[in-house]
N, C-alpha and C. Protein backbone atom coordinates (compact mmCIF):
# COMPACT_ATOMS: atom_id res chain seq x y z
N MET A 1 -18.05 -91.78 -39.82
CA MET A 1 -17.67 -90.14 -39.03
C MET A 1 -17.94 -89.35 -40.15
N ASN A 2 -18.37 -88.32 -40.16
CA ASN A 2 -18.50 -87.49 -41.22
C ASN A 2 -17.31 -86.16 -40.76
N TYR A 3 -17.15 -85.30 -41.89
CA TYR A 3 -16.38 -84.23 -41.95
C TYR A 3 -16.35 -83.02 -40.47
N GLU A 4 -17.98 -82.91 -40.48
CA GLU A 4 -18.40 -82.26 -39.28
C GLU A 4 -17.87 -82.71 -38.03
N GLN A 5 -17.86 -84.18 -37.88
CA GLN A 5 -17.43 -84.82 -36.67
C GLN A 5 -16.10 -84.76 -36.35
N LYS A 6 -15.37 -84.86 -37.65
CA LYS A 6 -13.84 -84.74 -37.25
C LYS A 6 -12.97 -83.15 -37.03
N THR A 7 -13.78 -82.49 -37.80
CA THR A 7 -13.47 -81.30 -37.55
C THR A 7 -13.75 -80.80 -35.89
N LYS A 8 -14.63 -80.95 -35.43
CA LYS A 8 -15.22 -81.03 -33.75
C LYS A 8 -14.19 -81.38 -33.39
N ASP A 9 -13.83 -82.81 -33.77
CA ASP A 9 -12.65 -84.02 -33.01
C ASP A 9 -11.63 -83.03 -32.78
N LEU A 10 -11.10 -82.66 -33.74
CA LEU A 10 -9.62 -81.93 -33.82
C LEU A 10 -9.94 -80.44 -33.34
N LYS A 11 -10.61 -79.87 -33.10
CA LYS A 11 -10.90 -78.31 -32.33
C LYS A 11 -10.90 -79.10 -30.92
N MET A 12 -11.23 -79.97 -30.71
CA MET A 12 -11.52 -80.92 -28.90
C MET A 12 -9.66 -80.89 -28.70
N ARG A 13 -9.35 -81.29 -29.53
CA ARG A 13 -7.75 -82.20 -29.50
C ARG A 13 -7.14 -81.18 -29.34
N ASP A 14 -7.14 -79.80 -30.12
CA ASP A 14 -6.59 -78.87 -29.66
C ASP A 14 -6.56 -77.87 -28.96
N LEU A 15 -7.93 -78.06 -28.08
CA LEU A 15 -8.21 -77.16 -26.89
C LEU A 15 -7.71 -78.04 -26.12
N PHE A 16 -7.91 -79.27 -25.59
CA PHE A 16 -7.42 -80.32 -25.13
C PHE A 16 -5.23 -80.15 -24.83
N ASP A 17 -4.84 -79.99 -25.77
CA ASP A 17 -3.54 -79.90 -26.30
C ASP A 17 -3.09 -78.99 -25.35
N LYS A 18 -3.83 -77.70 -25.19
CA LYS A 18 -3.38 -76.18 -25.22
C LYS A 18 -3.32 -76.32 -23.98
N GLU A 19 -4.58 -76.71 -23.11
CA GLU A 19 -4.84 -76.90 -21.96
C GLU A 19 -4.00 -77.26 -21.02
N PHE A 20 -3.86 -78.74 -21.97
CA PHE A 20 -2.48 -79.61 -20.84
C PHE A 20 -1.26 -78.78 -21.52
N GLN A 21 -0.62 -78.40 -21.95
CA GLN A 21 0.65 -77.54 -22.28
C GLN A 21 0.98 -76.68 -21.22
N GLN A 22 -0.29 -75.85 -20.74
CA GLN A 22 -0.72 -74.60 -19.92
C GLN A 22 -0.55 -75.43 -18.23
N GLU A 23 -0.98 -76.81 -18.63
CA GLU A 23 -1.01 -77.32 -16.59
C GLU A 23 0.45 -77.39 -16.63
N MET A 24 1.18 -78.25 -17.74
CA MET A 24 2.08 -78.49 -17.92
C MET A 24 2.95 -77.72 -17.18
N ASP A 25 2.83 -76.22 -17.98
CA ASP A 25 4.24 -75.05 -17.49
C ASP A 25 3.73 -74.31 -16.22
N ASP A 26 2.43 -74.36 -15.78
CA ASP A 26 2.25 -74.20 -14.29
C ASP A 26 2.87 -74.99 -13.54
N PHE A 27 2.66 -76.06 -13.69
CA PHE A 27 3.53 -77.45 -12.48
C PHE A 27 4.73 -76.81 -12.68
N PHE A 28 5.63 -77.06 -13.70
CA PHE A 28 7.15 -76.88 -13.82
C PHE A 28 7.43 -75.42 -13.11
N ASP A 29 6.64 -74.17 -13.71
CA ASP A 29 6.68 -73.22 -12.66
C ASP A 29 6.75 -72.79 -11.36
N TYR A 30 5.73 -74.02 -10.74
CA TYR A 30 5.53 -74.42 -9.44
C TYR A 30 6.91 -75.00 -8.41
N ILE A 31 7.42 -76.02 -9.37
CA ILE A 31 8.36 -76.75 -9.16
C ILE A 31 9.71 -75.49 -9.07
N ASP A 32 10.11 -74.98 -9.94
CA ASP A 32 10.89 -74.03 -10.31
C ASP A 32 11.12 -73.30 -8.93
N HIS A 33 10.14 -72.65 -8.83
CA HIS A 33 9.95 -71.53 -7.78
C HIS A 33 9.39 -71.87 -5.91
N GLU A 34 8.54 -73.15 -6.11
CA GLU A 34 8.28 -73.24 -4.39
C GLU A 34 9.39 -74.41 -3.97
N VAL A 35 9.72 -75.30 -4.73
CA VAL A 35 9.86 -76.59 -4.55
C VAL A 35 11.90 -75.91 -4.43
N LEU A 36 12.18 -75.76 -5.82
CA LEU A 36 13.83 -75.48 -5.82
C LEU A 36 13.92 -73.94 -5.25
N GLY A 37 13.09 -73.31 -4.90
CA GLY A 37 13.35 -71.72 -4.63
C GLY A 37 13.99 -70.66 -5.37
N LYS A 38 13.78 -71.21 -7.03
CA LYS A 38 14.04 -69.63 -8.07
C LYS A 38 13.05 -68.60 -7.87
N PRO A 39 13.82 -67.70 -8.61
CA PRO A 39 12.84 -66.36 -8.28
C PRO A 39 11.94 -67.17 -9.52
N LYS A 40 10.80 -65.56 -9.44
CA LYS A 40 9.51 -66.20 -10.19
C LYS A 40 10.05 -65.23 -11.65
N GLU A 41 10.81 -64.17 -11.01
CA GLU A 41 11.20 -63.46 -12.48
C GLU A 41 12.80 -63.12 -12.55
N ASP A 42 13.25 -62.86 -13.52
CA ASP A 42 14.60 -63.11 -13.62
C ASP A 42 14.53 -61.61 -12.99
N VAL A 43 15.80 -61.82 -12.46
CA VAL A 43 16.46 -60.93 -11.56
C VAL A 43 17.74 -60.53 -11.35
N VAL A 44 17.97 -59.24 -12.23
CA VAL A 44 19.42 -58.83 -12.18
C VAL A 44 19.83 -58.28 -11.19
N GLU A 45 21.27 -58.95 -10.72
CA GLU A 45 22.02 -58.76 -9.37
C GLU A 45 23.22 -57.86 -9.81
N LEU A 46 23.37 -57.00 -8.53
CA LEU A 46 24.61 -56.45 -8.98
C LEU A 46 25.36 -56.76 -7.74
N VAL A 47 27.00 -56.96 -7.95
CA VAL A 47 27.83 -57.46 -7.24
C VAL A 47 28.82 -56.34 -7.03
N HIS A 48 28.69 -55.66 -5.78
CA HIS A 48 29.25 -54.59 -5.46
C HIS A 48 30.14 -54.31 -4.02
N GLU A 49 30.94 -53.79 -3.50
CA GLU A 49 31.28 -53.64 -2.22
C GLU A 49 30.33 -53.12 -1.52
N VAL A 50 30.14 -53.56 0.14
CA VAL A 50 29.61 -52.86 0.76
C VAL A 50 30.21 -52.51 2.47
N ASP A 51 30.58 -51.94 2.94
CA ASP A 51 31.60 -51.56 3.92
C ASP A 51 32.51 -52.54 4.09
N GLY A 52 33.21 -52.95 2.49
CA GLY A 52 34.61 -53.45 2.64
C GLY A 52 34.19 -54.99 2.36
N VAL A 53 32.78 -55.34 2.48
CA VAL A 53 32.32 -56.55 2.11
C VAL A 53 31.89 -56.78 0.44
N VAL A 54 32.38 -57.75 -0.59
CA VAL A 54 31.73 -57.96 -1.38
C VAL A 54 30.19 -58.68 -1.75
N VAL A 55 29.22 -57.66 -1.40
CA VAL A 55 27.70 -58.27 -1.74
C VAL A 55 27.35 -58.75 -3.30
N CYS A 56 25.78 -59.22 -3.03
CA CYS A 56 25.45 -59.64 -4.64
C CYS A 56 24.44 -59.29 -3.76
N GLU A 57 23.02 -58.94 -4.84
CA GLU A 57 21.95 -58.30 -4.57
C GLU A 57 21.48 -57.78 -5.69
N PRO A 58 20.03 -57.78 -5.56
CA PRO A 58 19.22 -57.29 -6.92
C PRO A 58 19.30 -55.78 -6.78
N VAL A 59 19.75 -55.38 -8.06
CA VAL A 59 19.61 -54.44 -8.19
C VAL A 59 18.41 -53.46 -7.66
N GLU A 60 17.27 -53.45 -8.35
CA GLU A 60 16.20 -52.91 -7.51
C GLU A 60 16.42 -52.52 -6.26
N ASP A 61 16.82 -53.40 -4.99
CA ASP A 61 16.89 -52.92 -4.14
C ASP A 61 17.90 -52.03 -3.58
N VAL A 62 19.29 -51.96 -4.65
CA VAL A 62 20.69 -51.38 -4.48
C VAL A 62 19.44 -49.95 -5.21
N LEU A 63 18.64 -49.58 -5.90
CA LEU A 63 17.93 -48.45 -6.31
C LEU A 63 17.46 -47.49 -5.43
N LYS A 64 16.45 -48.88 -4.52
CA LYS A 64 15.40 -48.30 -3.64
C LYS A 64 16.66 -47.78 -2.35
N ARG A 65 17.51 -48.49 -2.20
CA ARG A 65 18.09 -47.97 -1.20
C ARG A 65 18.97 -46.44 -1.43
N GLU A 66 19.80 -46.53 -2.62
CA GLU A 66 19.93 -45.04 -2.87
C GLU A 66 19.00 -44.32 -3.15
N ALA A 67 17.85 -44.37 -3.44
CA ALA A 67 16.96 -42.85 -3.90
C ALA A 67 16.77 -42.43 -2.20
N LYS A 68 16.69 -43.01 -1.35
CA LYS A 68 16.42 -42.80 0.18
C LYS A 68 17.44 -41.47 0.67
């Protein structure tokens, strides 16, 4: 094997490793969100009292409701 072939092989290996890593990341994201039901992004939740009941809901929902 010459130097050019080794360089090409290393580039291919690097490309394969990056693609494989992305596939694994996508797979675990799928497991987290679709199978385990975790939210796709970090959701900040607000714990507060509504009509005498303590509830926990996303801050975005509270802000949308309060804006109306």
